[in-house]
N, C-alpha and C. Protein backbone atom coordinates (compact mmCIF):
# COMPACT_ATOMS: atom_id res chain seq x y z
N MET A 1 -151.14 15.40 102.78
CA MET A 1 -152.42 16.07 102.89
C MET A 1 -152.23 17.58 102.85
N LEU A 2 -152.95 18.25 102.01
CA LEU A 2 -152.86 19.69 101.86
C LEU A 2 -153.84 20.36 102.83
N VAL A 3 -153.30 21.25 103.66
CA VAL A 3 -154.14 21.99 104.59
C VAL A 3 -154.14 23.45 104.14
N ILE A 4 -155.30 23.97 103.84
CA ILE A 4 -155.43 25.36 103.42
C ILE A 4 -155.58 26.24 104.65
N GLU A 5 -154.79 27.29 104.69
CA GLU A 5 -154.87 28.24 105.79
C GLU A 5 -156.14 29.09 105.66
N SER A 6 -156.59 29.59 106.78
CA SER A 6 -157.63 30.62 106.73
C SER A 6 -156.95 31.92 107.14
N TRP A 7 -157.44 33.03 106.62
CA TRP A 7 -156.85 34.34 106.86
C TRP A 7 -157.90 35.29 107.44
N VAL A 8 -157.48 36.13 108.37
CA VAL A 8 -158.35 37.18 108.92
C VAL A 8 -157.63 38.52 108.80
N ILE A 9 -158.41 39.58 108.61
CA ILE A 9 -157.86 40.93 108.61
C ILE A 9 -157.70 41.33 110.07
N ASN A 10 -156.49 41.72 110.45
CA ASN A 10 -156.16 41.93 111.85
C ASN A 10 -157.08 42.87 112.61
N ASP A 11 -157.45 43.99 112.04
CA ASP A 11 -158.24 44.94 112.83
C ASP A 11 -159.71 44.96 112.46
N ASP A 12 -160.16 43.96 111.75
CA ASP A 12 -161.59 43.82 111.49
C ASP A 12 -162.13 42.77 112.46
N SER A 13 -162.95 41.87 111.98
CA SER A 13 -163.49 40.83 112.86
C SER A 13 -162.60 39.59 112.78
N ALA A 14 -162.90 38.63 113.60
CA ALA A 14 -162.15 37.37 113.59
C ALA A 14 -162.68 36.40 112.54
N VAL A 15 -163.59 36.88 111.70
CA VAL A 15 -164.18 36.03 110.67
C VAL A 15 -163.18 35.89 109.52
N PRO A 16 -162.85 34.67 109.13
CA PRO A 16 -161.92 34.48 108.02
C PRO A 16 -162.43 35.12 106.73
N VAL A 17 -161.48 35.64 105.95
CA VAL A 17 -161.80 36.25 104.67
C VAL A 17 -161.34 35.29 103.57
N SER A 18 -162.22 35.03 102.61
CA SER A 18 -161.90 34.11 101.52
C SER A 18 -161.15 34.83 100.42
N SER A 19 -160.54 34.09 99.52
CA SER A 19 -159.86 34.71 98.39
C SER A 19 -160.85 35.47 97.52
N GLU A 20 -162.11 35.05 97.50
CA GLU A 20 -163.13 35.75 96.72
C GLU A 20 -163.52 37.08 97.37
N MET A 21 -163.42 37.18 98.69
CA MET A 21 -163.87 38.38 99.40
C MET A 21 -162.74 39.32 99.79
N VAL A 22 -161.49 38.87 99.73
CA VAL A 22 -160.39 39.69 100.23
C VAL A 22 -160.22 40.99 99.44
N LEU A 23 -160.43 40.95 98.13
CA LEU A 23 -160.25 42.17 97.34
C LEU A 23 -161.32 43.20 97.66
N GLU A 24 -162.54 42.75 97.86
CA GLU A 24 -163.61 43.66 98.26
C GLU A 24 -163.28 44.30 99.60
N ALA A 25 -162.75 43.51 100.52
CA ALA A 25 -162.37 44.03 101.85
C ALA A 25 -161.25 45.06 101.72
N LEU A 26 -160.24 44.76 100.89
CA LEU A 26 -159.14 45.71 100.70
C LEU A 26 -159.64 47.00 100.05
N ARG A 27 -160.47 46.90 99.03
CA ARG A 27 -161.00 48.10 98.37
C ARG A 27 -161.82 48.95 99.33
N SER A 28 -162.61 48.31 100.16
CA SER A 28 -163.41 49.02 101.14
C SER A 28 -162.52 49.75 102.15
N ARG A 29 -161.47 49.08 102.58
CA ARG A 29 -160.53 49.70 103.54
C ARG A 29 -159.83 50.90 102.89
N ILE A 30 -159.41 50.75 101.64
CA ILE A 30 -158.75 51.85 100.93
C ILE A 30 -159.71 53.02 100.78
N ASP A 31 -160.95 52.73 100.40
CA ASP A 31 -161.96 53.79 100.24
C ASP A 31 -162.20 54.55 101.54
N SER A 32 -162.01 53.88 102.68
CA SER A 32 -162.22 54.56 103.96
C SER A 32 -160.91 55.10 104.54
N GLY A 33 -159.85 55.13 103.72
CA GLY A 33 -158.60 55.74 104.15
C GLY A 33 -157.60 54.83 104.83
N HIS A 34 -157.88 53.54 104.90
CA HIS A 34 -156.96 52.58 105.52
C HIS A 34 -156.06 52.00 104.43
N LEU A 35 -154.85 52.57 104.29
CA LEU A 35 -153.95 52.16 103.23
C LEU A 35 -153.05 50.99 103.64
N GLU A 36 -153.03 50.67 104.93
CA GLU A 36 -152.22 49.55 105.44
C GLU A 36 -153.16 48.48 105.99
N THR A 37 -153.00 47.26 105.49
CA THR A 37 -153.80 46.14 105.98
C THR A 37 -152.89 44.96 106.26
N TRP A 38 -153.06 44.37 107.42
CA TRP A 38 -152.35 43.15 107.79
C TRP A 38 -153.36 42.02 107.93
N LEU A 39 -153.01 40.88 107.35
CA LEU A 39 -153.82 39.68 107.50
C LEU A 39 -152.96 38.65 108.23
N THR A 40 -153.60 37.84 109.04
CA THR A 40 -152.91 36.76 109.76
C THR A 40 -153.56 35.45 109.40
N SER A 41 -152.73 34.44 109.16
CA SER A 41 -153.26 33.13 108.79
C SER A 41 -153.39 32.24 110.01
N SER A 42 -154.15 31.18 109.83
CA SER A 42 -154.36 30.20 110.91
C SER A 42 -153.06 29.48 111.27
N SER A 43 -152.04 29.56 110.41
CA SER A 43 -150.75 28.93 110.71
C SER A 43 -149.75 29.92 111.28
N GLY A 44 -150.19 31.17 111.51
CA GLY A 44 -149.33 32.16 112.13
C GLY A 44 -148.56 33.05 111.17
N ARG A 45 -148.77 32.88 109.88
CA ARG A 45 -148.10 33.74 108.91
C ARG A 45 -148.83 35.08 108.81
N SER A 46 -148.13 36.09 108.31
CA SER A 46 -148.71 37.42 108.14
C SER A 46 -148.55 37.86 106.69
N LEU A 47 -149.54 38.57 106.20
CA LEU A 47 -149.54 39.12 104.86
C LEU A 47 -149.82 40.61 105.00
N ALA A 48 -148.87 41.43 104.52
CA ALA A 48 -149.02 42.88 104.62
C ALA A 48 -149.33 43.45 103.25
N PHE A 49 -150.23 44.42 103.24
CA PHE A 49 -150.63 45.13 102.02
C PHE A 49 -150.61 46.62 102.39
N LEU A 50 -149.70 47.37 101.76
CA LEU A 50 -149.59 48.80 102.02
C LEU A 50 -149.60 49.50 100.67
N THR A 51 -150.51 50.45 100.48
CA THR A 51 -150.68 51.06 99.16
C THR A 51 -150.71 52.58 99.24
N ASN A 52 -150.39 53.21 98.11
CA ASN A 52 -150.60 54.64 97.95
C ASN A 52 -151.75 54.85 96.95
N THR A 53 -152.51 53.82 96.69
CA THR A 53 -153.67 53.68 95.80
C THR A 53 -153.28 53.44 94.34
N GLU A 54 -152.01 53.63 93.99
CA GLU A 54 -151.55 53.32 92.63
C GLU A 54 -150.60 52.13 92.62
N ARG A 55 -149.75 52.05 93.62
CA ARG A 55 -148.79 50.96 93.76
C ARG A 55 -148.95 50.39 95.17
N ALA A 56 -148.41 49.19 95.38
CA ALA A 56 -148.54 48.57 96.70
C ALA A 56 -147.31 47.74 97.04
N MET A 57 -147.01 47.70 98.31
CA MET A 57 -146.01 46.82 98.88
C MET A 57 -146.77 45.60 99.40
N VAL A 58 -146.39 44.41 98.95
CA VAL A 58 -147.02 43.18 99.42
C VAL A 58 -145.92 42.33 100.04
N MET A 59 -146.07 42.02 101.33
CA MET A 59 -145.06 41.25 102.06
C MET A 59 -145.71 40.01 102.69
N LEU A 60 -144.96 38.91 102.69
CA LEU A 60 -145.41 37.67 103.32
C LEU A 60 -144.36 37.28 104.35
N LEU A 61 -144.79 37.11 105.60
CA LEU A 61 -143.89 36.78 106.71
C LEU A 61 -144.29 35.45 107.31
N GLU A 62 -143.32 34.62 107.60
CA GLU A 62 -143.59 33.29 108.16
C GLU A 62 -144.02 33.34 109.62
N ASP A 63 -143.44 34.26 110.39
CA ASP A 63 -143.80 34.41 111.80
C ASP A 63 -143.44 35.83 112.24
N GLU A 64 -143.64 36.12 113.51
CA GLU A 64 -143.50 37.49 114.00
C GLU A 64 -142.10 38.08 113.80
N GLY A 65 -141.05 37.29 113.96
CA GLY A 65 -139.70 37.81 113.83
C GLY A 65 -139.11 37.70 112.44
N ASP A 66 -139.86 37.22 111.48
CA ASP A 66 -139.36 36.97 110.13
C ASP A 66 -139.32 38.27 109.33
N PRO A 67 -138.16 38.59 108.69
CA PRO A 67 -138.12 39.75 107.82
C PRO A 67 -138.96 39.56 106.56
N GLY A 68 -139.26 38.31 106.22
CA GLY A 68 -140.20 38.01 105.16
C GLY A 68 -139.67 38.08 103.75
N GLU A 69 -140.62 38.23 102.84
CA GLU A 69 -140.35 38.34 101.41
C GLU A 69 -141.38 39.30 100.86
N HIS A 70 -141.02 39.95 99.75
CA HIS A 70 -141.96 40.93 99.19
C HIS A 70 -141.96 40.88 97.67
N ALA A 71 -143.09 41.28 97.10
CA ALA A 71 -143.27 41.34 95.65
C ALA A 71 -142.42 42.46 95.09
N VAL A 72 -141.88 42.24 93.89
CA VAL A 72 -141.04 43.25 93.25
C VAL A 72 -141.48 43.45 91.80
N ASP A 73 -141.04 44.58 91.26
CA ASP A 73 -141.29 44.93 89.86
C ASP A 73 -139.92 45.19 89.23
N PRO A 74 -139.20 44.12 88.83
CA PRO A 74 -137.83 44.27 88.33
C PRO A 74 -137.75 45.27 87.18
N GLY A 75 -136.77 46.15 87.26
CA GLY A 75 -136.56 47.13 86.21
C GLY A 75 -137.36 48.41 86.35
N ALA A 76 -138.30 48.45 87.29
CA ALA A 76 -139.07 49.68 87.50
C ALA A 76 -138.13 50.78 88.00
N GLN A 77 -138.35 51.99 87.55
CA GLN A 77 -137.48 53.12 87.88
C GLN A 77 -138.18 54.10 88.81
N GLY A 78 -137.38 54.78 89.62
CA GLY A 78 -137.90 55.85 90.46
C GLY A 78 -138.44 55.34 91.79
N SER A 79 -139.21 56.21 92.43
CA SER A 79 -139.80 55.86 93.72
C SER A 79 -141.16 56.53 93.84
N SER A 80 -141.94 56.06 94.79
CA SER A 80 -143.27 56.60 95.06
C SER A 80 -143.41 56.84 96.55
N ASN A 81 -144.14 57.89 96.89
CA ASN A 81 -144.45 58.13 98.30
C ASN A 81 -145.96 58.02 98.48
N GLY A 82 -146.42 58.39 99.67
CA GLY A 82 -147.85 58.32 99.94
C GLY A 82 -148.31 57.00 100.51
N PHE A 83 -147.34 56.16 100.92
CA PHE A 83 -147.69 54.90 101.57
C PHE A 83 -147.87 55.21 103.06
N VAL A 84 -149.09 55.59 103.43
CA VAL A 84 -149.37 56.04 104.79
C VAL A 84 -149.74 54.85 105.67
N ARG A 85 -148.92 54.63 106.67
CA ARG A 85 -149.13 53.51 107.59
C ARG A 85 -150.18 53.88 108.63
N SER A 86 -150.66 52.88 109.35
CA SER A 86 -151.73 53.10 110.33
C SER A 86 -151.30 54.03 111.46
N ASN A 87 -149.97 54.16 111.71
CA ASN A 87 -149.50 55.06 112.76
C ASN A 87 -149.28 56.48 112.23
N GLY A 88 -149.64 56.74 110.95
CA GLY A 88 -149.51 58.06 110.36
C GLY A 88 -148.21 58.28 109.61
N GLN A 89 -147.26 57.37 109.74
CA GLN A 89 -145.98 57.49 109.04
C GLN A 89 -146.21 57.40 107.54
N ASP A 90 -145.62 58.33 106.79
CA ASP A 90 -145.76 58.38 105.33
C ASP A 90 -144.46 57.86 104.72
N ASP A 91 -144.49 56.65 104.15
CA ASP A 91 -143.29 56.01 103.61
C ASP A 91 -143.15 56.24 102.11
N GLU A 92 -141.90 56.15 101.66
CA GLU A 92 -141.56 56.20 100.25
C GLU A 92 -140.80 54.93 99.92
N TYR A 93 -141.11 54.31 98.78
CA TYR A 93 -140.46 53.07 98.37
C TYR A 93 -139.99 53.18 96.93
N ALA A 94 -138.91 52.47 96.63
CA ALA A 94 -138.46 52.35 95.25
C ALA A 94 -139.54 51.62 94.47
N GLU A 95 -139.78 52.07 93.23
CA GLU A 95 -140.80 51.42 92.38
C GLU A 95 -140.54 49.93 92.25
N GLU A 96 -139.27 49.51 92.19
CA GLU A 96 -138.96 48.10 92.01
C GLU A 96 -139.34 47.26 93.24
N ASP A 97 -139.55 47.91 94.40
CA ASP A 97 -139.96 47.19 95.60
C ASP A 97 -141.47 47.21 95.82
N THR A 98 -142.20 47.76 94.85
CA THR A 98 -143.66 47.76 94.90
C THR A 98 -144.18 47.26 93.56
N VAL A 99 -145.47 46.99 93.50
CA VAL A 99 -146.11 46.54 92.26
C VAL A 99 -147.36 47.38 92.04
N SER A 100 -147.89 47.33 90.82
CA SER A 100 -149.12 48.07 90.55
C SER A 100 -150.23 47.57 91.48
N ILE A 101 -151.18 48.42 91.76
CA ILE A 101 -152.29 48.03 92.65
C ILE A 101 -153.02 46.81 92.09
N HIS A 102 -153.16 46.71 90.78
CA HIS A 102 -153.86 45.56 90.19
C HIS A 102 -153.07 44.27 90.39
N GLU A 103 -151.75 44.35 90.23
CA GLU A 103 -150.91 43.18 90.48
C GLU A 103 -150.95 42.81 91.96
N ALA A 104 -150.93 43.81 92.83
CA ALA A 104 -151.00 43.55 94.27
C ALA A 104 -152.28 42.81 94.64
N PHE A 105 -153.41 43.24 94.05
CA PHE A 105 -154.67 42.55 94.31
C PHE A 105 -154.59 41.09 93.85
N ARG A 106 -153.99 40.86 92.68
CA ARG A 106 -153.84 39.49 92.17
C ARG A 106 -153.00 38.64 93.12
N LEU A 107 -151.91 39.23 93.63
CA LEU A 107 -151.02 38.49 94.53
C LEU A 107 -151.72 38.14 95.84
N VAL A 108 -152.40 39.12 96.43
CA VAL A 108 -153.09 38.88 97.70
C VAL A 108 -154.17 37.82 97.53
N LYS A 109 -154.94 37.92 96.47
CA LYS A 109 -156.00 36.92 96.23
C LYS A 109 -155.40 35.53 96.14
N ARG A 110 -154.30 35.39 95.42
CA ARG A 110 -153.65 34.08 95.26
C ARG A 110 -153.10 33.56 96.59
N ILE A 111 -152.42 34.43 97.35
CA ILE A 111 -151.83 34.00 98.62
C ILE A 111 -152.93 33.59 99.60
N VAL A 112 -154.00 34.37 99.69
CA VAL A 112 -155.11 34.01 100.59
C VAL A 112 -155.77 32.71 100.14
N GLY A 113 -155.84 32.48 98.84
CA GLY A 113 -156.49 31.28 98.32
C GLY A 113 -155.64 30.03 98.38
N THR A 114 -154.31 30.19 98.20
CA THR A 114 -153.45 29.00 98.09
C THR A 114 -152.27 28.98 99.06
N GLY A 115 -151.95 30.12 99.64
CA GLY A 115 -150.81 30.20 100.55
C GLY A 115 -149.49 30.46 99.85
N THR A 116 -149.50 30.60 98.51
CA THR A 116 -148.25 30.79 97.78
C THR A 116 -148.36 31.93 96.78
N TRP A 117 -147.19 32.44 96.37
CA TRP A 117 -147.13 33.44 95.31
C TRP A 117 -147.58 32.78 94.01
N PRO A 118 -148.19 33.53 93.10
CA PRO A 118 -148.53 32.97 91.79
C PRO A 118 -147.25 32.61 91.03
N ALA A 119 -147.33 31.59 90.20
CA ALA A 119 -146.19 31.22 89.37
C ALA A 119 -145.81 32.41 88.50
N GLY A 120 -144.54 32.67 88.43
CA GLY A 120 -144.05 33.76 87.60
C GLY A 120 -144.10 35.14 88.24
N ALA A 121 -144.67 35.26 89.40
CA ALA A 121 -144.71 36.56 90.08
C ALA A 121 -143.35 36.79 90.76
N PRO A 122 -142.64 37.86 90.39
CA PRO A 122 -141.33 38.08 90.99
C PRO A 122 -141.45 38.56 92.44
N TRP A 123 -140.62 37.99 93.29
CA TRP A 123 -140.55 38.39 94.69
C TRP A 123 -139.12 38.15 95.18
N VAL A 124 -138.75 38.80 96.24
CA VAL A 124 -137.44 38.60 96.84
C VAL A 124 -137.58 38.32 98.32
N ALA A 125 -136.70 37.46 98.82
CA ALA A 125 -136.65 37.16 100.24
C ALA A 125 -135.82 38.24 100.94
N ASP A 126 -136.31 38.74 102.03
CA ASP A 126 -135.60 39.76 102.83
C ASP A 126 -134.89 39.13 104.02
N ARG A 127 -134.86 37.81 104.04
CA ARG A 127 -134.26 37.07 105.16
C ARG A 127 -132.74 37.13 105.08
């Protein structure tokens, strides 16, 4: 039996966000200056989305102590900064450890809708 998780945005309401609504929620948060968003699933997993508005770090963690896994852009060169976390810390990441904002939106929508990375989407385990 397949059980679909429900996801909530950690610092919004406790109302689950659907795969159809998650992108609107992320765009709204970005527009209001919130570049870091954490979602928690009903099974205890966490999904992190951190952006500089052009590229994004997307991480999926199984539980609180899990180093997780993250989306990658193999072969991408250089690095980007401007990934401002909710505590004010401004991070810089290698381009290969982030994806375009459009790809990040696709990944988050798929994970919220199905619980898994899309087929063919490159990611690496940090475990």
